[in-house]
Amino acid sequence: MNPLNWRPEHQVALLLGVVIGIVIGLAGGFMYDGIHVALAPTEGDASFHNRTATGIMLWLGTGSALRWGVFGAFVGGAIIYTRQLLHA
């Protein structure tokens, strides 16, 4: 069950599943622990939008965002791999 031996459309589906998994993992991780960073009070007279954008960039720069993205990639890839395994 080597993914390199799959037909090209199945390999693209696996890649798409991994990318969608990364996006969902990052979104879930941000909702779980990144929102506290993004909405933390800042010094000075910064607008809500500037604080939020800076907070999101700060969270993406931490190791936490990477862990959530990798977790999402594994989940997305595992879903497609399991589907192929059960279909064959």
C-alpha atoms as a PDB file:
ATOM      1  CA  MET A   1       0.000   0.000   0.000  1.00  0.00           C
ATOM      2  CA  ASN A   2       2.747   2.413  -1.015  1.00  0.00           C
ATOM      3  CA  PRO A   3       1.299   5.874  -1.851  1.00  0.00           C
ATOM      4  CA  LEU A   4       4.020   6.341  -4.471  1.00  0.00           C
ATOM      5  CA  ASN A   5       2.470   3.471  -6.467  1.00  0.00           C
ATOM      6  CA  TRP A   6      -1.042   4.966  -6.424  1.00  0.00           C
ATOM      7  CA  ARG A   7      -2.634   6.480  -9.483  1.00  0.00           C
ATOM      8  CA  PRO A   8      -1.890  10.206  -9.888  1.00  0.00           C
ATOM      9  CA  GLU A   9      -5.407  11.316  -8.940  1.00  0.00           C
ATOM     10  CA  HIS A  10      -5.154   9.419  -5.661  1.00  0.00           C
ATOM     11  CA  GLN A  11      -1.773  10.975  -4.935  1.00  0.00           C
ATOM     12  CA  VAL A  12      -3.256  14.433  -5.534  1.00  0.00           C
ATOM     13  CA  ALA A  13      -6.129  13.545  -3.202  1.00  0.00           C
ATOM     14  CA  LEU A  14      -3.612  12.559  -0.523  1.00  0.00           C
ATOM     15  CA  LEU A  15      -1.736  15.831  -0.964  1.00  0.00           C
ATOM     16  CA  LEU A  16      -4.984  17.806  -0.856  1.00  0.00           C
ATOM     17  CA  GLY A  17      -6.044  15.937   2.287  1.00  0.00           C
ATOM     18  CA  VAL A  18      -2.753  16.855   3.953  1.00  0.00           C
ATOM     19  CA  VAL A  19      -3.091  20.537   3.000  1.00  0.00           C
ATOM     20  CA  ILE A  20      -6.698  20.720   4.197  1.00  0.00           C
ATOM     21  CA  GLY A  21      -5.619  18.936   7.391  1.00  0.00           C
ATOM     22  CA  ILE A  22      -2.921  21.561   7.983  1.00  0.00           C
ATOM     23  CA  VAL A  23      -5.433  24.387   7.587  1.00  0.00           C
ATOM     24  CA  ILE A  24      -7.969  22.731   9.883  1.00  0.00           C
ATOM     25  CA  GLY A  25      -5.234  21.902  12.410  1.00  0.00           C
ATOM     26  CA  LEU A  26      -4.021  25.501  12.472  1.00  0.00           C
ATOM     27  CA  ALA A  27      -7.567  26.823  12.832  1.00  0.00           C
ATOM     28  CA  GLY A  28      -8.336  24.378  15.646  1.00  0.00           C
ATOM     29  CA  GLY A  29      -5.065  25.134  17.394  1.00  0.00           C
ATOM     30  CA  PHE A  30      -5.662  28.862  17.159  1.00  0.00           C
ATOM     31  CA  MET A  31      -9.115  28.457  18.661  1.00  0.00           C
ATOM     32  CA  TYR A  32      -7.706  26.228  21.396  1.00  0.00           C
ATOM     33  CA  ASP A  33      -4.684  28.199  22.592  1.00  0.00           C
ATOM     34  CA  GLY A  34      -3.731  30.924  20.135  1.00  0.00           C
ATOM     35  CA  ILE A  35      -6.650  33.227  20.733  1.00  0.00           C
ATOM     36  CA  HIS A  36      -5.288  34.140  24.164  1.00  0.00           C
ATOM     37  CA  VAL A  37      -2.086  35.378  22.541  1.00  0.00           C
ATOM     38  CA  ALA A  38      -3.880  37.251  19.770  1.00  0.00           C
ATOM     39  CA  LEU A  39      -6.237  39.128  22.082  1.00  0.00           C
ATOM     40  CA  ALA A  40      -3.752  39.846  24.858  1.00  0.00           C
ATOM     41  CA  PRO A  41      -3.666  43.520  25.825  1.00  0.00           C
ATOM     42  CA  THR A  42      -0.772  45.442  24.332  1.00  0.00           C
ATOM     43  CA  GLU A  43       1.077  48.605  25.233  1.00  0.00           C
ATOM     44  CA  GLY A  44       0.124  51.909  23.660  1.00  0.00           C
ATOM     45  CA  ASP A  45      -2.864  52.897  21.576  1.00  0.00           C
ATOM     46  CA  ALA A  46      -3.140  49.959  19.161  1.00  0.00           C
ATOM     47  CA  SER A  47      -6.441  49.263  17.450  1.00  0.00           C
ATOM     48  CA  PHE A  48      -8.165  45.910  17.830  1.00  0.00           C
ATOM     49  CA  HIS A  49      -7.227  44.898  14.264  1.00  0.00           C
ATOM     50  CA  ASN A  50      -3.537  45.647  14.756  1.00  0.00           C
ATOM     51  CA  ARG A  51      -3.449  43.743  18.058  1.00  0.00           C
ATOM     52  CA  THR A  52      -5.186  40.760  16.534  1.00  0.00           C
ATOM     53  CA  ALA A  53      -2.988  40.632  13.422  1.00  0.00           C
ATOM     54  CA  THR A  54       0.161  40.955  15.530  1.00  0.00           C
ATOM     55  CA  GLY A  55      -1.097  38.307  17.929  1.00  0.00           C
ATOM     56  CA  ILE A  56      -1.830  35.879  15.105  1.00  0.00           C
ATOM     57  CA  MET A  57       1.645  36.400  13.653  1.00  0.00           C
ATOM     58  CA  LEU A  58       3.149  35.924  17.116  1.00  0.00           C
ATOM     59  CA  TRP A  59       1.224  32.679  17.598  1.00  0.00           C
ATOM     60  CA  LEU A  60       2.216  31.421  14.135  1.00  0.00           C
ATOM     61  CA  GLY A  61       5.850  32.083  15.052  1.00  0.00           C
ATOM     62  CA  THR A  62       5.712  29.864  18.113  1.00  0.00           C
ATOM     63  CA  GLY A  63       6.203  26.125  18.187  1.00  0.00           C
ATOM     64  CA  SER A  64       2.563  25.627  19.121  1.00  0.00           C
ATOM     65  CA  ALA A  65       1.336  26.562  15.640  1.00  0.00           C
ATOM     66  CA  LEU A  66       3.782  24.122  14.066  1.00  0.00           C
ATOM     67  CA  ARG A  67       2.586  21.290  16.292  1.00  0.00           C
ATOM     68  CA  TRP A  68      -1.055  21.931  15.385  1.00  0.00           C
ATOM     69  CA  GLY A  69      -0.214  22.085  11.671  1.00  0.00           C
ATOM     70  CA  VAL A  70       1.716  18.816  11.771  1.00  0.00           C
ATOM     71  CA  PHE A  71      -1.096  17.177  13.735  1.00  0.00           C
ATOM     72  CA  GLY A  72      -3.612  18.338  11.107  1.00  0.00           C
ATOM     73  CA  ALA A  73      -1.400  17.046   8.303  1.00  0.00           C
ATOM     74  CA  PHE A  74      -1.214  13.603   9.901  1.00  0.00           C
ATOM     75  CA  VAL A  75      -4.968  13.477  10.447  1.00  0.00           C
ATOM     76  CA  GLY A  76      -5.748  14.607   6.874  1.00  0.00           C
ATOM     77  CA  GLY A  77      -3.247  12.198   5.364  1.00  0.00           C
ATOM     78  CA  ALA A  78      -4.426   9.331   7.559  1.00  0.00           C
ATOM     79  CA  ILE A  79      -8.023   9.850   6.490  1.00  0.00           C
ATOM     80  CA  ILE A  80      -7.133   9.604   2.790  1.00  0.00           C
ATOM     81  CA  TYR A  81      -4.718   6.705   3.370  1.00  0.00           C
ATOM     82  CA  THR A  82      -7.347   4.766   5.333  1.00  0.00           C
ATOM     83  CA  ARG A  83      -9.918   5.411   2.629  1.00  0.00           C
ATOM     84  CA  GLN A  84      -7.529   4.011   0.021  1.00  0.00           C
ATOM     85  CA  LEU A  85      -6.670   1.057   2.242  1.00  0.00           C
ATOM     86  CA  LEU A  86     -10.317   0.144   2.740  1.00  0.00           C
ATOM     87  CA  HIS A  87     -11.176   0.727  -0.916  1.00  0.00           C
ATOM     88  CA  ALA A  88      -8.484  -1.556  -2.298  1.00  0.00           C
END
